[in-house]
PDB file of all heavy atoms in Angstrom:
ATOM      1  N   VAL A   1     -58.560-173.428 -34.843  1.00  0.00           N
ATOM      2  CA  VAL A   1     -59.031-173.890 -33.536  1.00  0.00           C
ATOM      3  C   VAL A   1     -59.207-172.743 -32.559  1.00  0.00           C
ATOM      4  O   VAL A   1     -60.241-172.563 -31.891  1.00  0.00           O
ATOM      5  CB  VAL A   1     -58.052-174.964 -32.893  1.00  0.00           C
ATOM      6  CG1 VAL A   1     -58.355-175.217 -31.467  1.00  0.00           C
ATOM      7  CG2 VAL A   1     -58.144-176.246 -33.724  1.00  0.00           C
ATOM      8  N   LEU A   2     -58.172-171.874 -32.518  1.00  0.00           N
ATOM      9  CA  LEU A   2     -58.281-170.743 -31.606  1.00  0.00           C
ATOM     10  C   LEU A   2     -59.384-169.791 -32.004  1.00  0.00           C
ATOM     11  O   LEU A   2     -60.092-169.222 -31.126  1.00  0.00           O
ATOM     12  CB  LEU A   2     -56.935-169.965 -31.578  1.00  0.00           C
ATOM     13  CG  LEU A   2     -55.779-170.763 -30.947  1.00  0.00           C
ATOM     14  CD1 LEU A   2     -54.475-170.001 -31.120  1.00  0.00           C
ATOM     15  CD2 LEU A   2     -56.045-171.039 -29.497  1.00  0.00           C
ATOM     16  N   LYS A   3     -59.608-169.615 -33.311  1.00  0.00           N
ATOM     17  CA  LYS A   3     -60.665-168.681 -33.760  1.00  0.00           C
ATOM     18  C   LYS A   3     -62.057-169.168 -33.334  1.00  0.00           C
ATOM     19  O   LYS A   3     -62.933-168.384 -33.095  1.00  0.00           O
ATOM     20  CB  LYS A   3     -60.595-168.564 -35.255  1.00  0.00           C
ATOM     21  CG  LYS A   3     -61.378-167.402 -35.770  1.00  0.00           C
ATOM     22  CD  LYS A   3     -60.548-166.723 -36.888  1.00  0.00           C
ATOM     23  CE  LYS A   3     -61.333-165.635 -37.535  1.00  0.00           C
ATOM     24  NZ  LYS A   3     -61.051-164.352 -37.001  1.00  0.00           N
ATOM     25  N   THR A   4     -62.255-170.478 -33.192  1.00  0.00           N
ATOM     26  CA  THR A   4     -63.533-171.033 -32.730  1.00  0.00           C
ATOM     27  C   THR A   4     -63.710-170.881 -31.240  1.00  0.00           C
ATOM     28  O   THR A   4     -64.809-171.104 -30.725  1.00  0.00           O
ATOM     29  CB  THR A   4     -63.669-172.490 -33.076  1.00  0.00           C
ATOM     30  OG1 THR A   4     -62.748-173.276 -32.318  1.00  0.00           O
ATOM     31  CG2 THR A   4     -63.499-172.739 -34.595  1.00  0.00           C
ATOM     32  N   GLY A   5     -62.664-170.523 -30.516  1.00  0.00           N
ATOM     33  CA  GLY A   5     -62.755-170.426 -29.057  1.00  0.00           C
ATOM     34  C   GLY A   5     -62.377-171.722 -28.369  1.00  0.00           C
ATOM     35  O   GLY A   5     -62.422-171.837 -27.142  1.00  0.00           O
ATOM     36  N   ALA A   6     -61.977-172.714 -29.166  1.00  0.00           N
ATOM     37  CA  ALA A   6     -61.540-173.968 -28.597  1.00  0.00           C
ATOM     38  C   ALA A   6     -60.044-173.890 -28.217  1.00  0.00           C
ATOM     39  O   ALA A   6     -59.381-172.930 -28.535  1.00  0.00           O
ATOM     40  CB  ALA A   6     -61.794-175.059 -29.588  1.00  0.00           C
ATOM     41  N   ALA A   7     -59.578-174.935 -27.551  1.00  0.00           N
ATOM     42  CA  ALA A   7     -58.167-175.030 -27.209  1.00  0.00           C
ATOM     43  C   ALA A   7     -57.550-176.226 -28.022  1.00  0.00           C
ATOM     44  O   ALA A   7     -58.272-177.081 -28.489  1.00  0.00           O
ATOM     45  CB  ALA A   7     -58.003-175.305 -25.740  1.00  0.00           C
ATOM     46  N   TYR A   8     -56.262-176.129 -28.225  1.00  0.00           N
ATOM     47  CA  TYR A   8     -55.564-177.206 -28.943  1.00  0.00           C
ATOM     48  C   TYR A   8     -54.555-177.879 -28.077  1.00  0.00           C
ATOM     49  O   TYR A   8     -54.086-177.398 -27.087  1.00  0.00           O
ATOM     50  CB  TYR A   8     -54.959-176.725 -30.248  1.00  0.00           C
ATOM     51  CG  TYR A   8     -53.772-175.841 -30.068  1.00  0.00           C
ATOM     52  CD1 TYR A   8     -52.455-176.411 -30.172  1.00  0.00           C
ATOM     53  CD2 TYR A   8     -53.829-174.473 -29.863  1.00  0.00           C
ATOM     54  CE1 TYR A   8     -51.346-175.592 -30.048  1.00  0.00           C
ATOM     55  CE2 TYR A   8     -52.720-173.675 -29.770  1.00  0.00           C
ATOM     56  CZ  TYR A   8     -51.491-174.267 -29.787  1.00  0.00           C
ATOM     57  OH  TYR A   8     -50.379-173.473 -29.689  1.00  0.00           O
ATOM     58  N   LEU A   9     -54.249-179.149 -28.454  1.00  0.00           N
ATOM     59  CA  LEU A   9     -53.256-179.967 -27.762  1.00  0.00           C
ATOM     60  C   LEU A   9     -52.248-180.377 -28.802  1.00  0.00           C
ATOM     61  O   LEU A   9     -52.531-181.218 -29.644  1.00  0.00           O
ATOM     62  CB  LEU A   9     -53.943-181.195 -27.146  1.00  0.00           C
ATOM     63  CG  LEU A   9     -53.051-182.336 -26.692  1.00  0.00           C
ATOM     64  CD1 LEU A   9     -52.202-181.882 -25.504  1.00  0.00           C
ATOM     65  CD2 LEU A   9     -53.897-183.503 -26.317  1.00  0.00           C
ATOM     66  N   PRO A  10     -51.058-179.817 -28.776  1.00  0.00           N
ATOM     67  CA  PRO A  10     -50.055-180.221 -29.765  1.00  0.00           C
ATOM     68  C   PRO A  10     -49.566-181.639 -29.489  1.00  0.00           C
ATOM     69  O   PRO A  10     -49.229-181.969 -28.338  1.00  0.00           O
ATOM     70  CB  PRO A  10     -48.935-179.205 -29.598  1.00  0.00           C
ATOM     71  CG  PRO A  10     -49.094-178.667 -28.212  1.00  0.00           C
ATOM     72  CD  PRO A  10     -50.541-178.784 -27.863  1.00  0.00           C
ATOM     73  N   ILE A  11     -49.540-182.466 -30.474  1.00  0.00           N
ATOM     74  CA  ILE A  11     -49.022-183.866 -30.402  1.00  0.00           C
ATOM     75  C   ILE A  11     -47.933-183.998 -31.401  1.00  0.00           C
ATOM     76  O   ILE A  11     -48.140-183.781 -32.602  1.00  0.00           O
ATOM     77  CB  ILE A  11     -50.133-184.894 -30.705  1.00  0.00           C
ATOM     78  CG1 ILE A  11     -51.310-184.783 -29.754  1.00  0.00           C
ATOM     79  CG2 ILE A  11     -49.571-186.321 -30.750  1.00  0.00           C
ATOM     80  CD1 ILE A  11     -51.092-185.418 -28.372  1.00  0.00           C
ATOM     81  N   ASP A  12     -46.732-184.262 -30.953  1.00  0.00           N
ATOM     82  CA  ASP A  12     -45.592-184.457 -31.823  1.00  0.00           C
ATOM     83  C   ASP A  12     -45.663-185.825 -32.384  1.00  0.00           C
ATOM     84  O   ASP A  12     -45.613-186.823 -31.645  1.00  0.00           O
ATOM     85  CB  ASP A  12     -44.286-184.219 -31.090  1.00  0.00           C
ATOM     86  CG  ASP A  12     -43.097-184.245 -31.941  1.00  0.00           C
ATOM     87  OD1 ASP A  12     -43.117-184.783 -33.102  1.00  0.00           O
ATOM     88  OD2 ASP A  12     -42.036-183.637 -31.512  1.00  0.00           O
ATOM     89  N   PRO A  13     -45.777-186.013 -33.727  1.00  0.00           N
ATOM     90  CA  PRO A  13     -45.850-187.368 -34.290  1.00  0.00           C
ATOM     91  C   PRO A  13     -44.581-188.197 -34.038  1.00  0.00           C
ATOM     92  O   PRO A  13     -44.623-189.405 -34.165  1.00  0.00           O
ATOM     93  CB  PRO A  13     -46.022-187.139 -35.803  1.00  0.00           C
ATOM     94  CG  PRO A  13     -46.105-185.656 -36.004  1.00  0.00           C
ATOM     95  CD  PRO A  13     -45.865-184.980 -34.732  1.00  0.00           C
ATOM     96  N   GLU A  14     -43.513-187.531 -33.574  1.00  0.00           N
ATOM     97  CA  GLU A  14     -42.260-188.259 -33.278  1.00  0.00           C
ATOM     98  C   GLU A  14     -42.267-188.810 -31.879  1.00  0.00           C
ATOM     99  O   GLU A  14     -41.344-189.579 -31.543  1.00  0.00           O
ATOM    100  CB  GLU A  14     -41.073-187.302 -33.468  1.00  0.00           C
ATOM    101  CG  GLU A  14     -40.898-186.825 -34.908  1.00  0.00           C
ATOM    102  CD  GLU A  14     -40.668-187.904 -35.896  1.00  0.00           C
ATOM    103  OE1 GLU A  14     -39.903-188.814 -35.609  1.00  0.00           O
ATOM    104  OE2 GLU A  14     -41.282-187.818 -36.986  1.00  0.00           O
ATOM    105  N   HIS A  15     -43.263-188.470 -31.059  1.00  0.00           N
ATOM    106  CA  HIS A  15     -43.282-188.992 -29.661  1.00  0.00           C
ATOM    107  C   HIS A  15     -43.570-190.448 -29.651  1.00  0.00           C
ATOM    108  O   HIS A  15     -44.180-190.982 -30.606  1.00  0.00           O
ATOM    109  CB  HIS A  15     -44.362-188.256 -28.850  1.00  0.00           C
ATOM    110  CG  HIS A  15     -43.954-186.949 -28.324  1.00  0.00           C
ATOM    111  ND1 HIS A  15     -44.847-185.981 -27.948  1.00  0.00           N
ATOM    112  CD2 HIS A  15     -42.741-186.358 -28.129  1.00  0.00           C
ATOM    113  CE1 HIS A  15     -44.228-184.881 -27.561  1.00  0.00           C
ATOM    114  NE2 HIS A  15     -42.942-185.088 -27.673  1.00  0.00           N
ATOM    115  N   PRO A  16     -43.080-191.152 -28.616  1.00  0.00           N
ATOM    116  CA  PRO A  16     -43.399-192.600 -28.539  1.00  0.00           C
ATOM    117  C   PRO A  16     -44.957-192.849 -28.498  1.00  0.00           C
ATOM    118  O   PRO A  16     -45.669-192.008 -27.965  1.00  0.00           O
ATOM    119  CB  PRO A  16     -42.783-193.030 -27.186  1.00  0.00           C
ATOM    120  CG  PRO A  16     -41.761-191.950 -26.894  1.00  0.00           C
ATOM    121  CD  PRO A  16     -42.244-190.682 -27.517  1.00  0.00           C
ATOM    122  N   ALA A  17     -45.348-193.953 -29.066  1.00  0.00           N
ATOM    123  CA  ALA A  17     -46.763-194.266 -29.170  1.00  0.00           C
ATOM    124  C   ALA A  17     -47.473-194.269 -27.791  1.00  0.00           C
ATOM    125  O   ALA A  17     -48.603-193.792 -27.700  1.00  0.00           O
ATOM    126  CB  ALA A  17     -46.964-195.632 -29.859  1.00  0.00           C
ATOM    127  N   GLU A  18     -46.767-194.722 -26.771  1.00  0.00           N
ATOM    128  CA  GLU A  18     -47.379-194.771 -25.440  1.00  0.00           C
ATOM    129  C   GLU A  18     -47.637-193.387 -24.907  1.00  0.00           C
ATOM    130  O   GLU A  18     -48.665-193.163 -24.255  1.00  0.00           O
ATOM    131  CB  GLU A  18     -46.429-195.482 -24.415  1.00  0.00           C
ATOM    132  CG  GLU A  18     -46.119-196.902 -24.796  1.00  0.00           C
ATOM    133  CD  GLU A  18     -45.014-197.054 -25.820  1.00  0.00           C
ATOM    134  OE1 GLU A  18     -44.117-196.168 -25.939  1.00  0.00           O
ATOM    135  OE2 GLU A  18     -45.079-198.022 -26.610  1.00  0.00           O
ATOM    136  N   ARG A  19     -46.768-192.433 -25.157  1.00  0.00           N
ATOM    137  CA  ARG A  19     -46.954-191.033 -24.742  1.00  0.00           C
ATOM    138  C   ARG A  19     -48.117-190.425 -25.449  1.00  0.00           C
ATOM    139  O   ARG A  19     -48.993-189.746 -24.846  1.00  0.00           O
ATOM    140  CB  ARG A  19     -45.713-190.233 -24.911  1.00  0.00           C
ATOM    141  CG  ARG A  19     -45.851-188.798 -24.461  1.00  0.00           C
ATOM    142  CD  ARG A  19     -44.545-188.002 -24.609  1.00  0.00           C
ATOM    143  NE  ARG A  19     -44.703-186.630 -24.320  1.00  0.00           N
ATOM    144  CZ  ARG A  19     -44.558-186.068 -23.095  1.00  0.00           C
ATOM    145  NH1 ARG A  19     -44.270-186.836 -22.075  1.00  0.00           N
ATOM    146  NH2 ARG A  19     -44.739-184.765 -22.958  1.00  0.00           N
ATOM    147  N   VAL A  20     -48.220-190.589 -26.782  1.00  0.00           N
ATOM    148  CA  VAL A  20     -49.339-190.097 -27.570  1.00  0.00           C
ATOM    149  C   VAL A  20     -50.650-190.667 -27.056  1.00  0.00           C
ATOM    150  O   VAL A  20     -51.629-189.954 -26.830  1.00  0.00           O
ATOM    151  CB  VAL A  20     -49.166-190.385 -29.082  1.00  0.00           C
ATOM    152  CG1 VAL A  20     -50.395-190.019 -29.873  1.00  0.00           C
ATOM    153  CG2 VAL A  20     -47.905-189.683 -29.605  1.00  0.00           C
ATOM    154  N   GLU A  21     -50.700-191.950 -26.848  1.00  0.00           N
ATOM    155  CA  GLU A  21     -51.884-192.627 -26.309  1.00  0.00           C
ATOM    156  C   GLU A  21     -52.315-192.064 -24.991  1.00  0.00           C
ATOM    157  O   GLU A  21     -53.449-191.747 -24.740  1.00  0.00           O
ATOM    158  CB  GLU A  21     -51.685-194.121 -26.260  1.00  0.00           C
ATOM    159  CG  GLU A  21     -52.973-194.859 -25.893  1.00  0.00           C
ATOM    160  CD  GLU A  21     -52.791-196.377 -25.934  1.00  0.00           C
ATOM    161  OE1 GLU A  21     -51.667-196.851 -26.262  1.00  0.00           O
ATOM    162  OE2 GLU A  21     -53.752-197.050 -25.643  1.00  0.00           O
ATOM    163  N   PHE A  22     -51.298-191.859 -24.083  1.00  0.00           N
ATOM    164  CA  PHE A  22     -51.592-191.333 -22.750  1.00  0.00           C
ATOM    165  C   PHE A  22     -52.210-189.911 -22.859  1.00  0.00           C
ATOM    166  O   PHE A  22     -53.202-189.601 -22.217  1.00  0.00           O
ATOM    167  CB  PHE A  22     -50.337-191.284 -21.897  1.00  0.00           C
ATOM    168  CG  PHE A  22     -50.560-190.530 -20.595  1.00  0.00           C
ATOM    169  CD1 PHE A  22     -51.146-191.147 -19.551  1.00  0.00           C
ATOM    170  CD2 PHE A  22     -50.183-189.165 -20.507  1.00  0.00           C
ATOM    171  CE1 PHE A  22     -51.387-190.417 -18.370  1.00  0.00           C
ATOM    172  CE2 PHE A  22     -50.397-188.473 -19.338  1.00  0.00           C
ATOM    173  CZ  PHE A  22     -51.055-189.102 -18.288  1.00  0.00           C
ATOM    174  N   MET A  23     -51.592-189.045 -23.650  1.00  0.00           N
ATOM    175  CA  MET A  23     -52.036-187.674 -23.778  1.00  0.00           C
ATOM    176  C   MET A  23     -53.462-187.633 -24.361  1.00  0.00           C
ATOM    177  O   MET A  23     -54.307-186.845 -23.882  1.00  0.00           O
ATOM    178  CB  MET A  23     -51.068-186.847 -24.629  1.00  0.00           C
ATOM    179  CG  MET A  23     -49.762-186.585 -23.891  1.00  0.00           C
ATOM    180  SD  MET A  23     -48.671-185.383 -24.767  1.00  0.00           S
ATOM    181  CE  MET A  23     -48.320-186.219 -26.266  1.00  0.00           C
ATOM    182  N   LEU A  24     -53.715-188.414 -25.403  1.00  0.00           N
ATOM    183  CA  LEU A  24     -55.056-188.386 -25.988  1.00  0.00           C
ATOM    184  C   LEU A  24     -56.098-188.948 -25.028  1.00  0.00           C
ATOM    185  O   LEU A  24     -57.223-188.413 -24.911  1.00  0.00           O
ATOM    186  CB  LEU A  24     -55.100-189.225 -27.283  1.00  0.00           C
ATOM    187  CG  LEU A  24     -54.314-188.619 -28.461  1.00  0.00           C
ATOM    188  CD1 LEU A  24     -54.300-189.517 -29.670  1.00  0.00           C
ATOM    189  CD2 LEU A  24     -54.902-187.245 -28.817  1.00  0.00           C
ATOM    190  N   HIS A  25     -55.751-189.966 -24.256  1.00  0.00           N
ATOM    191  CA  HIS A  25     -56.684-190.510 -23.290  1.00  0.00           C
ATOM    192  C   HIS A  25     -56.862-189.519 -22.210  1.00  0.00           C
ATOM    193  O   HIS A  25     -58.024-189.268 -21.737  1.00  0.00           O
ATOM    194  CB  HIS A  25     -56.161-191.839 -22.719  1.00  0.00           C
ATOM    195  CG  HIS A  25     -57.030-192.423 -21.645  1.00  0.00           C
ATOM    196  ND1 HIS A  25     -58.232-192.998 -21.891  1.00  0.00           N
ATOM    197  CD2 HIS A  25     -56.882-192.418 -20.332  1.00  0.00           C
ATOM    198  CE1 HIS A  25     -58.807-193.350 -20.771  1.00  0.00           C
ATOM    199  NE2 HIS A  25     -57.974-193.009 -19.794  1.00  0.00           N
TER     200      HIS A  25
END
């Protein structure tokens, strides 16, 4: 991702579903 010049967003699969949904939205 970094090599393409894009940015990444780490998502911990252990996070609560509501938090993951919020961050992705």
